[in-house]
Amino acid sequence: VQLQASGGGLVQAGGSLTLSCAASGGRGKLNSMGWYRQAPGKQRELVATMTSDGTTRYDDSVKGRFTIVRDNAKNTADLQMNSLKPEDTAVYYCYCRIIFTDYWGKGTQVTVSS
């Protein structure tokens, strides 16, 4: 499975960015898809995921600001990020789970300046 992510960059606090991820090459049902992030010196943490039936999970710190949009037919998951804060600065990783196996894309840097 290959996960191709795009959309990171530098933005001022209060701004918006959209991250996009596309999964390809997998066999079997793509159960969960979404985004994690890892800030310097911190562990990787869940940002937002969505299952194939539309169930979402968000970290409390992004609720109301981030929205995950998934297209099951295209195997894509976009993360719309609004009202960005400096603490959102991290490397963001696209993620998917097929059956019981997790797959990760290369990270994309998001930097929010104050």
PDB file of N, CA and C in Angstrom:
ATOM      1  N   VAL A   1       0.854  -1.186   0.000  1.00  0.00           N
ATOM      2  CA  VAL A   1       0.000   0.000   0.000  1.00  0.00           C
ATOM      3  C   VAL A   1       0.893   1.239   0.000  1.00  0.00           C
ATOM      4  N   GLN A   2       0.553   2.169  -0.855  1.00  0.00           N
ATOM      5  CA  GLN A   2       1.272   3.437  -0.885  1.00  0.00           C
ATOM      6  C   GLN A   2       0.327   4.554  -0.508  1.00  0.00           C
ATOM      7  N   LEU A   3       0.814   5.433   0.350  1.00  0.00           N
ATOM      8  CA  LEU A   3       0.046   6.595   0.765  1.00  0.00           C
ATOM      9  C   LEU A   3       0.786   7.836   0.304  1.00  0.00           C
ATOM     10  N   GLN A   4       0.123   8.611  -0.531  1.00  0.00           N
ATOM     11  CA  GLN A   4       0.721   9.832  -1.073  1.00  0.00           C
ATOM     12  C   GLN A   4       0.052  11.022  -0.419  1.00  0.00           C
ATOM     13  N   ALA A   5       0.839  11.787   0.323  1.00  0.00           N
ATOM     14  CA  ALA A   5       0.308  12.944   1.036  1.00  0.00           C
ATOM     15  C   ALA A   5       0.832  14.227   0.432  1.00  0.00           C
ATOM     16  N   SER A   6       0.044  15.262   0.545  1.00  0.00           N
ATOM     17  CA  SER A   6       0.456  16.572   0.049  1.00  0.00           C
ATOM     18  C   SER A   6      -0.280  17.653   0.809  1.00  0.00           C
ATOM     19  N   GLY A   7       0.201  18.890   0.689  1.00  0.00           N
ATOM     20  CA  GLY A   7      -0.523  20.019   1.227  1.00  0.00           C
ATOM     21  C   GLY A   7       0.085  20.698   2.431  1.00  0.00           C
ATOM     22  N   GLY A   8       1.201  20.206   2.930  1.00  0.00           N
ATOM     23  CA  GLY A   8       1.802  20.870   4.077  1.00  0.00           C
ATOM     24  C   GLY A   8       2.419  22.195   3.688  1.00  0.00           C
ATOM     25  N   GLY A   9       2.888  22.926   4.694  1.00  0.00           N
ATOM     26  CA  GLY A   9       3.520  24.194   4.394  1.00  0.00           C
ATOM     27  C   GLY A   9       3.577  25.088   5.610  1.00  0.00           C
ATOM     28  N   LEU A  10       3.864  26.342   5.348  1.00  0.00           N
ATOM     29  CA  LEU A  10       3.984  27.358   6.395  1.00  0.00           C
ATOM     30  C   LEU A  10       2.774  28.274   6.340  1.00  0.00           C
ATOM     31  N   VAL A  11       2.169  28.517   7.488  1.00  0.00           N
ATOM     32  CA  VAL A  11       0.987  29.371   7.541  1.00  0.00           C
ATOM     33  C   VAL A  11       1.025  30.170   8.837  1.00  0.00           C
ATOM     34  N   GLN A  12       0.419  31.335   8.824  1.00  0.00           N
ATOM     35  CA  GLN A  12       0.349  32.136  10.033  1.00  0.00           C
ATOM     36  C   GLN A  12      -0.760  31.621  10.939  1.00  0.00           C
ATOM     37  N   ALA A  13      -0.619  31.888  12.204  1.00  0.00           N
ATOM     38  CA  ALA A  13      -1.650  31.506  13.161  1.00  0.00           C
ATOM     39  C   ALA A  13      -2.990  32.095  12.731  1.00  0.00           C
ATOM     40  N   GLY A  14      -4.014  31.282  12.841  1.00  0.00           N
ATOM     41  CA  GLY A  14      -5.340  31.695  12.410  1.00  0.00           C
ATOM     42  C   GLY A  14      -5.652  31.320  10.973  1.00  0.00           C
ATOM     43  N   GLY A  15      -4.650  30.894  10.264  1.00  0.00           N
ATOM     44  CA  GLY A  15      -4.830  30.530   8.864  1.00  0.00           C
ATOM     45  C   GLY A  15      -5.338  29.119   8.685  1.00  0.00           C
ATOM     46  N   SER A  16      -5.398  28.710   7.411  1.00  0.00           N
ATOM     47  CA  SER A  16      -5.941  27.401   7.068  1.00  0.00           C
ATOM     48  C   SER A  16      -5.020  26.664   6.099  1.00  0.00           C
ATOM     49  N   LEU A  17      -5.066  25.355   6.189  1.00  0.00           N
ATOM     50  CA  LEU A  17      -4.378  24.472   5.253  1.00  0.00           C
ATOM     51  C   LEU A  17      -5.231  23.232   5.062  1.00  0.00           C
ATOM     52  N   THR A  18      -5.076  22.621   3.900  1.00  0.00           N
ATOM     53  CA  THR A  18      -5.727  21.334   3.668  1.00  0.00           C
ATOM     54  C   THR A  18      -4.664  20.318   3.271  1.00  0.00           C
ATOM     55  N   LEU A  19      -4.625  19.216   3.997  1.00  0.00           N
ATOM     56  CA  LEU A  19      -3.748  18.102   3.668  1.00  0.00           C
ATOM     57  C   LEU A  19      -4.556  17.060   2.900  1.00  0.00           C
ATOM     58  N   SER A  20      -3.922  16.478   1.898  1.00  0.00           N
ATOM     59  CA  SER A  20      -4.589  15.460   1.103  1.00  0.00           C
ATOM     60  C   SER A  20      -3.777  14.172   1.126  1.00  0.00           C
ATOM     61  N   CYS A  21      -4.477  13.062   1.135  1.00  0.00           N
ATOM     62  CA  CYS A  21      -3.819  11.761   1.136  1.00  0.00           C
ATOM     63  C   CYS A  21      -4.583  10.828   0.216  1.00  0.00           C
ATOM     64  N   ALA A  22      -3.833  10.078  -0.586  1.00  0.00           N
ATOM     65  CA  ALA A  22      -4.431   9.089  -1.471  1.00  0.00           C
ATOM     66  C   ALA A  22      -3.744   7.753  -1.249  1.00  0.00           C
ATOM     67  N   ALA A  23      -4.544   6.714  -1.065  1.00  0.00           N
ATOM     68  CA  ALA A  23      -4.024   5.358  -0.872  1.00  0.00           C
ATOM     69  C   ALA A  23      -4.158   4.571  -2.157  1.00  0.00           C
ATOM     70  N   SER A  24      -3.136   3.778  -2.452  1.00  0.00           N
ATOM     71  CA  SER A  24      -3.186   2.954  -3.652  1.00  0.00           C
ATOM     72  C   SER A  24      -2.440   1.653  -3.417  1.00  0.00           C
ATOM     73  N   GLY A  25      -2.779   0.676  -4.220  1.00  0.00           N
ATOM     74  CA  GLY A  25      -2.037  -0.578  -4.211  1.00  0.00           C
ATOM     75  C   GLY A  25      -2.480  -1.600  -3.196  1.00  0.00           C
ATOM     76  N   GLY A  26      -3.492  -1.301  -2.409  1.00  0.00           N
ATOM     77  CA  GLY A  26      -3.894  -2.246  -1.385  1.00  0.00           C
ATOM     78  C   GLY A  26      -4.928  -3.238  -1.857  1.00  0.00           C
ATOM     79  N   ARG A  27      -4.977  -4.370  -1.173  1.00  0.00           N
ATOM     80  CA  ARG A  27      -6.018  -5.357  -1.415  1.00  0.00           C
ATOM     81  C   ARG A  27      -6.804  -5.525  -0.139  1.00  0.00           C
ATOM     82  N   GLY A  28      -8.071  -5.615  -0.253  1.00  0.00           N
ATOM     83  CA  GLY A  28      -8.888  -5.714   0.932  1.00  0.00           C
ATOM     84  C   GLY A  28      -9.514  -4.379   1.265  1.00  0.00           C
ATOM     85  N   LYS A  29     -10.456  -4.441   2.159  1.00  0.00           N
ATOM     86  CA  LYS A  29     -11.203  -3.247   2.522  1.00  0.00           C
ATOM     87  C   LYS A  29     -10.340  -2.291   3.342  1.00  0.00           C
ATOM     88  N   LEU A  30     -10.364  -1.033   2.961  1.00  0.00           N
ATOM     89  CA  LEU A  30      -9.645   0.008   3.679  1.00  0.00           C
ATOM     90  C   LEU A  30     -10.547   0.446   4.818  1.00  0.00           C
ATOM     91  N   ASN A  31     -10.265  -0.040   6.020  1.00  0.00           N
ATOM     92  CA  ASN A  31     -11.177   0.191   7.136  1.00  0.00           C
ATOM     93  C   ASN A  31     -11.126   1.611   7.662  1.00  0.00           C
ATOM     94  N   SER A  32      -9.947   2.035   8.051  1.00  0.00           N
ATOM     95  CA  SER A  32      -9.796   3.348   8.655  1.00  0.00           C
ATOM     96  C   SER A  32      -8.743   4.128   7.884  1.00  0.00           C
ATOM     97  N   MET A  33      -8.954   5.428   7.800  1.00  0.00           N
ATOM     98  CA  MET A  33      -7.997   6.289   7.097  1.00  0.00           C
ATOM     99  C   MET A  33      -7.984   7.639   7.779  1.00  0.00           C
ATOM    100  N   GLY A  34      -6.826   8.253   7.835  1.00  0.00           N
ATOM    101  CA  GLY A  34      -6.775   9.553   8.474  1.00  0.00           C
ATOM    102  C   GLY A  34      -5.388  10.087   8.668  1.00  0.00           C
ATOM    103  N   TRP A  35      -5.234  10.865   9.754  1.00  0.00           N
ATOM    104  CA  TRP A  35      -4.001  11.604   9.968  1.00  0.00           C
ATOM    105  C   TRP A  35      -3.545  11.524  11.415  1.00  0.00           C
ATOM    106  N   TYR A  36      -2.231  11.392  11.567  1.00  0.00           N
ATOM    107  CA  TYR A  36      -1.552  11.515  12.844  1.00  0.00           C
ATOM    108  C   TYR A  36      -0.521  12.631  12.700  1.00  0.00           C
ATOM    109  N   ARG A  37       0.029  13.074  13.815  1.00  0.00           N
ATOM    110  CA  ARG A  37       1.087  14.076  13.756  1.00  0.00           C
ATOM    111  C   ARG A  37       2.105  13.830  14.854  1.00  0.00           C
ATOM    112  N   GLN A  38       3.301  14.356  14.604  1.00  0.00           N
ATOM    113  CA  GLN A  38       4.361  14.234  15.590  1.00  0.00           C
ATOM    114  C   GLN A  38       5.136  15.536  15.641  1.00  0.00           C
ATOM    115  N   ALA A  39       5.088  16.156  16.803  1.00  0.00           N
ATOM    116  CA  ALA A  39       5.838  17.391  17.031  1.00  0.00           C
ATOM    117  C   ALA A  39       7.217  17.039  17.572  1.00  0.00           C
ATOM    118  N   PRO A  40       8.181  17.926  17.437  1.00  0.00           N
ATOM    119  CA  PRO A  40       9.528  17.640  17.940  1.00  0.00           C
ATOM    120  C   PRO A  40       9.515  17.279  19.415  1.00  0.00           C
ATOM    121  N   GLY A  41      10.157  16.179  19.736  1.00  0.00           N
ATOM    122  CA  GLY A  41      10.254  15.758  21.119  1.00  0.00           C
ATOM    123  C   GLY A  41       9.002  15.115  21.684  1.00  0.00           C
ATOM    124  N   LYS A  42       8.021  14.898  20.850  1.00  0.00           N
ATOM    125  CA  LYS A  42       6.767  14.304  21.320  1.00  0.00           C
ATOM    126  C   LYS A  42       6.454  13.019  20.562  1.00  0.00           C
ATOM    127  N   GLN A  43       5.565  12.234  21.130  1.00  0.00           N
ATOM    128  CA  GLN A  43       5.132  11.011  20.468  1.00  0.00           C
ATOM    129  C   GLN A  43       4.124  11.321  19.369  1.00  0.00           C
ATOM    130  N   ARG A  44       4.053  10.407  18.425  1.00  0.00           N
ATOM    131  CA  ARG A  44       3.050  10.557  17.383  1.00  0.00           C
ATOM    132  C   ARG A  44       1.663  10.436  17.997  1.00  0.00           C
ATOM    133  N   GLU A  45       0.754  11.300  17.573  1.00  0.00           N
ATOM    134  CA  GLU A  45      -0.588  11.300  18.147  1.00  0.00           C
ATOM    135  C   GLU A  45      -1.643  11.363  17.051  1.00  0.00           C
ATOM    136  N   LEU A  46      -2.788  10.815  17.373  1.00  0.00           N
ATOM    137  CA  LEU A  46      -3.905  10.848  16.439  1.00  0.00           C
ATOM    138  C   LEU A  46      -4.406  12.276  16.282  1.00  0.00           C
ATOM    139  N   VAL A  47      -4.692  12.651  15.050  1.00  0.00           N
ATOM    140  CA  VAL A  47      -5.332  13.939  14.779  1.00  0.00           C
ATOM    141  C   VAL A  47      -6.791  13.701  14.417  1.00  0.00           C
ATOM    142  N   ALA A  48      -7.009  12.926  13.372  1.00  0.00           N
ATOM    143  CA  ALA A  48      -8.373  12.638  12.931  1.00  0.00           C
ATOM    144  C   ALA A  48      -8.362  11.397  12.056  1.00  0.00           C
ATOM    145  N   THR A  49      -9.336  10.537  12.278  1.00  0.00           N
ATOM    146  CA  THR A  49      -9.508   9.358  11.430  1.00  0.00           C
ATOM    147  C   THR A  49     -10.989   9.167  11.126  1.00  0.00           C
ATOM    148  N   MET A  50     -11.238   8.432  10.070  1.00  0.00           N
ATOM    149  CA  MET A  50     -12.596   8.106   9.704  1.00  0.00           C
ATOM    150  C   MET A  50     -12.638   6.667   9.205  1.00  0.00           C
ATOM    151  N   THR A  51     -13.602   5.890   9.698  1.00  0.00           N
ATOM    152  CA  THR A  51     -13.766   4.524   9.219  1.00  0.00           C
ATOM    153  C   THR A  51     -14.580   4.525   7.919  1.00  0.00           C
ATOM    154  N   SER A  52     -14.658   3.360   7.308  1.00  0.00           N
ATOM    155  CA  SER A  52     -15.373   3.262   6.040  1.00  0.00           C
ATOM    156  C   SER A  52     -16.868   3.535   6.195  1.00  0.00           C
ATOM    157  N   ASP A  53     -17.390   3.374   7.409  1.00  0.00           N
ATOM    158  CA  ASP A  53     -18.818   3.663   7.616  1.00  0.00           C
ATOM    159  C   ASP A  53     -19.051   5.091   8.099  1.00  0.00           C
ATOM    160  N   GLY A  54     -18.003   5.895   8.132  1.00  0.00           N
ATOM    161  CA  GLY A  54     -18.154   7.309   8.438  1.00  0.00           C
ATOM    162  C   GLY A  54     -17.926   7.704   9.884  1.00  0.00           C
ATOM    163  N   THR A  55     -17.552   6.764  10.728  1.00  0.00           N
ATOM    164  CA  THR A  55     -17.285   7.092  12.124  1.00  0.00           C
ATOM    165  C   THR A  55     -15.968   7.854  12.233  1.00  0.00           C
ATOM    166  N   THR A  56     -16.014   8.991  12.901  1.00  0.00           N
ATOM    167  CA  THR A  56     -14.821   9.829  13.012  1.00  0.00           C
ATOM    168  C   THR A  56     -14.278   9.848  14.438  1.00  0.00           C
ATOM    169  N   ARG A  57     -12.997  10.082  14.516  1.00  0.00           N
ATOM    170  CA  ARG A  57     -12.320  10.322  15.785  1.00  0.00           C
ATOM    171  C   ARG A  57     -11.451  11.553  15.603  1.00  0.00           C
ATOM    172  N   TYR A  58     -11.521  12.452  16.567  1.00  0.00           N
ATOM    173  CA  TYR A  58     -10.679  13.644  16.557  1.00  0.00           C
ATOM    174  C   TYR A  58      -9.987  13.781  17.907  1.00  0.00           C
ATOM    175  N   ASP A  59      -8.756  14.269  17.849  1.00  0.00           N
ATOM    176  CA  ASP A  59      -8.115  14.658  19.098  1.00  0.00           C
ATOM    177  C   ASP A  59      -8.868  15.868  19.636  1.00  0.00           C
ATOM    178  N   ASP A  60      -8.983  15.953  20.954  1.00  0.00           N
ATOM    179  CA  ASP A  60      -9.727  17.062  21.557  1.00  0.00           C
ATOM    180  C   ASP A  60      -9.166  18.417  21.149  1.00  0.00           C
ATOM    181  N   SER A  61      -7.878  18.475  20.922  1.00  0.00           N
ATOM    182  CA  SER A  61      -7.242  19.760  20.630  1.00  0.00           C
ATOM    183  C   SER A  61      -7.614  20.316  19.255  1.00  0.00           C
ATOM    184  N   VAL A  62      -8.162  19.466  18.384  1.00  0.00           N
ATOM    185  CA  VAL A  62      -8.493  19.938  17.031  1.00  0.00           C
ATOM    186  C   VAL A  62      -9.997  19.961  16.763  1.00  0.00           C
ATOM    187  N   LYS A  63     -10.782  19.468  17.696  1.00  0.00           N
ATOM    188  CA  LYS A  63     -12.227  19.458  17.496  1.00  0.00           C
ATOM    189  C   LYS A  63     -12.750  20.871  17.258  1.00  0.00           C
ATOM    190  N   GLY A  64     -13.588  20.990  16.249  1.00  0.00           N
ATOM    191  CA  GLY A  64     -14.143  22.289  15.910  1.00  0.00           C
ATOM    192  C   GLY A  64     -13.268  23.106  14.975  1.00  0.00           C
ATOM    193  N   ARG A  65     -12.038  22.663  14.785  1.00  0.00           N
ATOM    194  CA  ARG A  65     -11.122  23.402  13.897  1.00  0.00           C
ATOM    195  C   ARG A  65     -10.728  22.564  12.678  1.00  0.00           C
ATOM    196  N   PHE A  66     -10.581  21.269  12.871  1.00  0.00           N
ATOM    197  CA  PHE A  66     -10.167  20.375  11.788  1.00  0.00           C
ATOM    198  C   PHE A  66     -11.345  19.508  11.366  1.00  0.00           C
ATOM    199  N   THR A  67     -11.381  19.198  10.092  1.00  0.00           N
ATOM    200  CA  THR A  67     -12.414  18.313   9.562  1.00  0.00           C
ATOM    201  C   THR A  67     -11.776  17.311   8.617  1.00  0.00           C
ATOM    202  N   ILE A  68     -12.101  16.048   8.824  1.00  0.00           N
ATOM    203  CA  ILE A  68     -11.607  15.021   7.907  1.00  0.00           C
ATOM    204  C   ILE A  68     -12.697  14.711   6.898  1.00  0.00           C
ATOM    205  N   VAL A  69     -12.291  14.655   5.645  1.00  0.00           N
ATOM    206  CA  VAL A  69     -13.218  14.371   4.558  1.00  0.00           C
ATOM    207  C   VAL A  69     -12.674  13.166   3.792  1.00  0.00           C
ATOM    208  N   ARG A  70     -13.468  12.118   3.731  1.00  0.00           N
ATOM    209  CA  ARG A  70     -12.981  10.887   3.113  1.00  0.00           C
ATOM    210  C   ARG A  70     -13.844  10.519   1.915  1.00  0.00           C
ATOM    211  N   ASP A  71     -13.187  10.028   0.885  1.00  0.00           N
ATOM    212  CA  ASP A  71     -13.877   9.526  -0.300  1.00  0.00           C
ATOM    213  C   ASP A  71     -13.538   8.044  -0.420  1.00  0.00           C
ATOM    214  N   ASN A  72     -14.467   7.193  -0.058  1.00  0.00           N
ATOM    215  CA  ASN A  72     -14.205   5.758  -0.057  1.00  0.00           C
ATOM    216  C   ASN A  72     -13.943   5.224  -1.460  1.00  0.00           C
ATOM    217  N   ALA A  73     -14.609   5.782  -2.435  1.00  0.00           N
ATOM    218  CA  ALA A  73     -14.447   5.303  -3.808  1.00  0.00           C
ATOM    219  C   ALA A  73     -13.052   5.600  -4.351  1.00  0.00           C
ATOM    220  N   LYS A  74     -12.508   6.724  -3.926  1.00  0.00           N
ATOM    221  CA  LYS A  74     -11.186   7.130  -4.413  1.00  0.00           C
ATOM    222  C   LYS A  74     -10.068   6.786  -3.439  1.00  0.00           C
ATOM    223  N   ASN A  75     -10.418   6.279  -2.271  1.00  0.00           N
ATOM    224  CA  ASN A  75      -9.435   5.995  -1.226  1.00  0.00           C
ATOM    225  C   ASN A  75      -8.601   7.221  -0.876  1.00  0.00           C
ATOM    226  N   THR A  76      -9.292   8.312  -0.647  1.00  0.00           N
ATOM    227  CA  THR A  76      -8.620   9.544  -0.261  1.00  0.00           C
ATOM    228  C   THR A  76      -9.157  10.044   1.079  1.00  0.00           C
ATOM    229  N   ALA A  77      -8.323  10.805   1.751  1.00  0.00           N
ATOM    230  CA  ALA A  77      -8.729  11.424   3.010  1.00  0.00           C
ATOM    231  C   ALA A  77      -8.069  12.783   3.085  1.00  0.00           C
ATOM    232  N   ASP A  78      -8.866  13.821   3.118  1.00  0.00           N
ATOM    233  CA  ASP A  78      -8.370  15.183   3.250  1.00  0.00           C
ATOM    234  C   ASP A  78      -8.580  15.668   4.674  1.00  0.00           C
ATOM    235  N   LEU A  79      -7.647  16.459   5.131  1.00  0.00           N
ATOM    236  CA  LEU A  79      -7.765  17.062   6.452  1.00  0.00           C
ATOM    237  C   LEU A  79      -7.824  18.572   6.274  1.00  0.00           C
ATOM    238  N   GLN A  80      -8.986  19.132   6.507  1.00  0.00           N
ATOM    239  CA  GLN A  80      -9.166  20.571   6.413  1.00  0.00           C
ATOM    240  C   GLN A  80      -8.862  21.168   7.781  1.00  0.00           C
ATOM    241  N   MET A  81      -7.868  22.039   7.815  1.00  0.00           N
ATOM    242  CA  MET A  81      -7.401  22.603   9.082  1.00  0.00           C
ATOM    243  C   MET A  81      -7.639  24.104   9.079  1.00  0.00           C
ATOM    244  N   ASN A  82      -8.456  24.546  10.007  1.00  0.00           N
ATOM    245  CA  ASN A  82      -8.768  25.966  10.143  1.00  0.00           C
ATOM    246  C   ASN A  82      -8.312  26.466  11.510  1.00  0.00           C
ATOM    247  N   SER A  83      -8.238  27.780  11.629  1.00  0.00           N
ATOM    248  CA  SER A  83      -7.851  28.409  12.901  1.00  0.00           C
ATOM    249  C   SER A  83      -6.590  27.770  13.460  1.00  0.00           C
ATOM    250  N   LEU A  84      -5.603  27.631  12.619  1.00  0.00           N
ATOM    251  CA  LEU A  84      -4.372  26.946  13.028  1.00  0.00           C
ATOM    252  C   LEU A  84      -3.650  27.716  14.124  1.00  0.00           C
ATOM    253  N   LYS A  85      -3.028  26.951  15.012  1.00  0.00           N
ATOM    254  CA  LYS A  85      -2.301  27.499  16.144  1.00  0.00           C
ATOM    255  C   LYS A  85      -0.836  27.060  16.062  1.00  0.00           C
ATOM    256  N   PRO A  86       0.057  27.805  16.676  1.00  0.00           N
ATOM    257  CA  PRO A  86       1.464  27.390  16.672  1.00  0.00           C
ATOM    258  C   PRO A  86       1.658  25.970  17.209  1.00  0.00           C
ATOM    259  N   GLU A  87       0.827  25.563  18.153  1.00  0.00           N
ATOM    260  CA  GLU A  87       0.950  24.211  18.708  1.00  0.00           C
ATOM    261  C   GLU A  87       0.513  23.119  17.743  1.00  0.00           C
ATOM    262  N   ASP A  88      -0.038  23.498  16.609  1.00  0.00           N
ATOM    263  CA  ASP A  88      -0.360  22.516  15.569  1.00  0.00           C
ATOM    264  C   ASP A  88       0.864  22.184  14.716  1.00  0.00           C
ATOM    265  N   THR A  89       1.943  22.895  14.940  1.00  0.00           N
ATOM    266  CA  THR A  89       3.162  22.633  14.186  1.00  0.00           C
ATOM    267  C   THR A  89       3.659  21.222  14.444  1.00  0.00           C
ATOM    268  N   ALA A  90       3.842  20.473  13.371  1.00  0.00           N
ATOM    269  CA  ALA A  90       4.260  19.074  13.492  1.00  0.00           C
ATOM    270  C   ALA A  90       4.454  18.497  12.099  1.00  0.00           C
ATOM    271  N   VAL A  91       4.991  17.302  12.077  1.00  0.00           N
ATOM    272  CA  VAL A  91       4.984  16.514  10.848  1.00  0.00           C
ATOM    273  C   VAL A  91       3.700  15.695  10.870  1.00  0.00           C
ATOM    274  N   TYR A  92       2.926  15.815   9.828  1.00  0.00           N
ATOM    275  CA  TYR A  92       1.647  15.114   9.728  1.00  0.00           C
ATOM    276  C   TYR A  92       1.801  13.894   8.836  1.00  0.00           C
ATOM    277  N   TYR A  93       1.268  12.765   9.332  1.00  0.00           N
ATOM    278  CA  TYR A  93       1.391  11.493   8.635  1.00  0.00           C
ATOM    279  C   TYR A  93       0.022  10.964   8.241  1.00  0.00           C
ATOM    280  N   CYS A  94      -0.099  10.619   6.985  1.00  0.00           N
ATOM    281  CA  CYS A  94      -1.303   9.950   6.530  1.00  0.00           C
ATOM    282  C   CYS A  94      -1.249   8.490   6.983  1.00  0.00           C
ATOM    283  N   TYR A  95      -2.396   7.936   7.267  1.00  0.00           N
ATOM    284  CA  TYR A  95      -2.482   6.595   7.856  1.00  0.00           C
ATOM    285  C   TYR A  95      -3.681   5.860   7.287  1.00  0.00           C
ATOM    286  N   CYS A  96      -3.541   4.565   7.136  1.00  0.00           N
ATOM    287  CA  CYS A  96      -4.720   3.771   6.820  1.00  0.00           C
ATOM    288  C   CYS A  96      -4.560   2.378   7.422  1.00  0.00           C
ATOM    289  N   ARG A  97      -5.656   1.731   7.617  1.00  0.00           N
ATOM    290  CA  ARG A  97      -5.657   0.363   8.135  1.00  0.00           C
ATOM    291  C   ARG A  97      -6.443  -0.509   7.167  1.00  0.00           C
ATOM    292  N   ILE A  98      -5.816  -1.584   6.743  1.00  0.00           N
ATOM    293  CA  ILE A  98      -6.483  -2.573   5.908  1.00  0.00           C
ATOM    294  C   ILE A  98      -6.465  -3.876   6.676  1.00  0.00           C
ATOM    295  N   ILE A  99      -7.666  -4.331   7.008  1.00  0.00           N
ATOM    296  CA  ILE A  99      -7.863  -5.499   7.870  1.00  0.00           C
ATOM    297  C   ILE A  99      -7.155  -5.186   9.188  1.00  0.00           C
ATOM    298  N   PHE A 100      -6.061  -5.823   9.542  1.00  0.00           N
ATOM    299  CA  PHE A 100      -5.413  -5.547  10.826  1.00  0.00           C
ATOM    300  C   PHE A 100      -4.024  -4.936  10.658  1.00  0.00           C
ATOM    301  N   THR A 101      -3.724  -4.443   9.469  1.00  0.00           N
ATOM    302  CA  THR A 101      -2.398  -3.899   9.204  1.00  0.00           C
ATOM    303  C   THR A 101      -2.473  -2.389   9.001  1.00  0.00           C
ATOM    304  N   ASP A 102      -1.579  -1.683   9.690  1.00  0.00           N
ATOM    305  CA  ASP A 102      -1.502  -0.229   9.568  1.00  0.00           C
ATOM    306  C   ASP A 102      -0.438   0.156   8.553  1.00  0.00           C
ATOM    307  N   TYR A 103      -0.732   1.170   7.785  1.00  0.00           N
ATOM    308  CA  TYR A 103       0.200   1.696   6.797  1.00  0.00           C
ATOM    309  C   TYR A 103       0.370   3.197   7.023  1.00  0.00           C
ATOM    310  N   TRP A 104       1.582   3.656   6.742  1.00  0.00           N
ATOM    311  CA  TRP A 104       1.904   5.059   6.978  1.00  0.00           C
ATOM    312  C   TRP A 104       2.527   5.671   5.737  1.00  0.00           C
ATOM    313  N   GLY A 105       2.162   6.919   5.478  1.00  0.00           N
ATOM    314  CA  GLY A 105       2.805   7.660   4.415  1.00  0.00           C
ATOM    315  C   GLY A 105       3.993   8.433   4.958  1.00  0.00           C
ATOM    316  N   LYS A 106       4.756   9.003   4.055  1.00  0.00           N
ATOM    317  CA  LYS A 106       5.819   9.895   4.472  1.00  0.00           C
ATOM    318  C   LYS A 106       5.183  11.153   5.036  1.00  0.00           C
ATOM    319  N   GLY A 107       5.789  11.723   6.017  1.00  0.00           N
ATOM    320  CA  GLY A 107       5.220  12.886   6.661  1.00  0.00           C
ATOM    321  C   GLY A 107       5.279  14.139   5.815  1.00  0.00           C
ATOM    322  N   THR A 108       4.390  15.041   6.125  1.00  0.00           N
ATOM    323  CA  THR A 108       4.409  16.364   5.498  1.00  0.00           C
ATOM    324  C   THR A 108       4.430  17.405   6.613  1.00  0.00           C
ATOM    325  N   GLN A 109       5.326  18.363   6.471  1.00  0.00           N
ATOM    326  CA  GLN A 109       5.531  19.341   7.544  1.00  0.00           C
ATOM    327  C   GLN A 109       4.470  20.431   7.502  1.00  0.00           C
ATOM    328  N   VAL A 110       3.918  20.708   8.661  1.00  0.00           N
ATOM    329  CA  VAL A 110       3.018  21.849   8.833  1.00  0.00           C
ATOM    330  C   VAL A 110       3.646  22.746   9.890  1.00  0.00           C
ATOM    331  N   THR A 111       3.888  23.987   9.535  1.00  0.00           N
ATOM    332  CA  THR A 111       4.467  24.948  10.456  1.00  0.00           C
ATOM    333  C   THR A 111       3.543  26.140  10.573  1.00  0.00           C
ATOM    334  N   VAL A 112       3.159  26.452  11.804  1.00  0.00           N
ATOM    335  CA  VAL A 112       2.259  27.571  12.063  1.00  0.00           C
ATOM    336  C   VAL A 112       3.051  28.624  12.831  1.00  0.00           C
ATOM    337  N   SER A 113       3.196  29.771  12.235  1.00  0.00           N
ATOM    338  CA  SER A 113       3.953  30.847  12.870  1.00  0.00           C
ATOM    339  C   SER A 113       3.034  31.739  13.693  1.00  0.00           C
ATOM    340  N   SER A 114       3.578  32.268  14.763  1.00  0.00           N
ATOM    341  CA  SER A 114       2.750  33.123  15.651  1.00  0.00           C
ATOM    342  C   SER A 114       2.841  34.582  15.240  1.00  0.00           C
TER     343      SER A 114
END
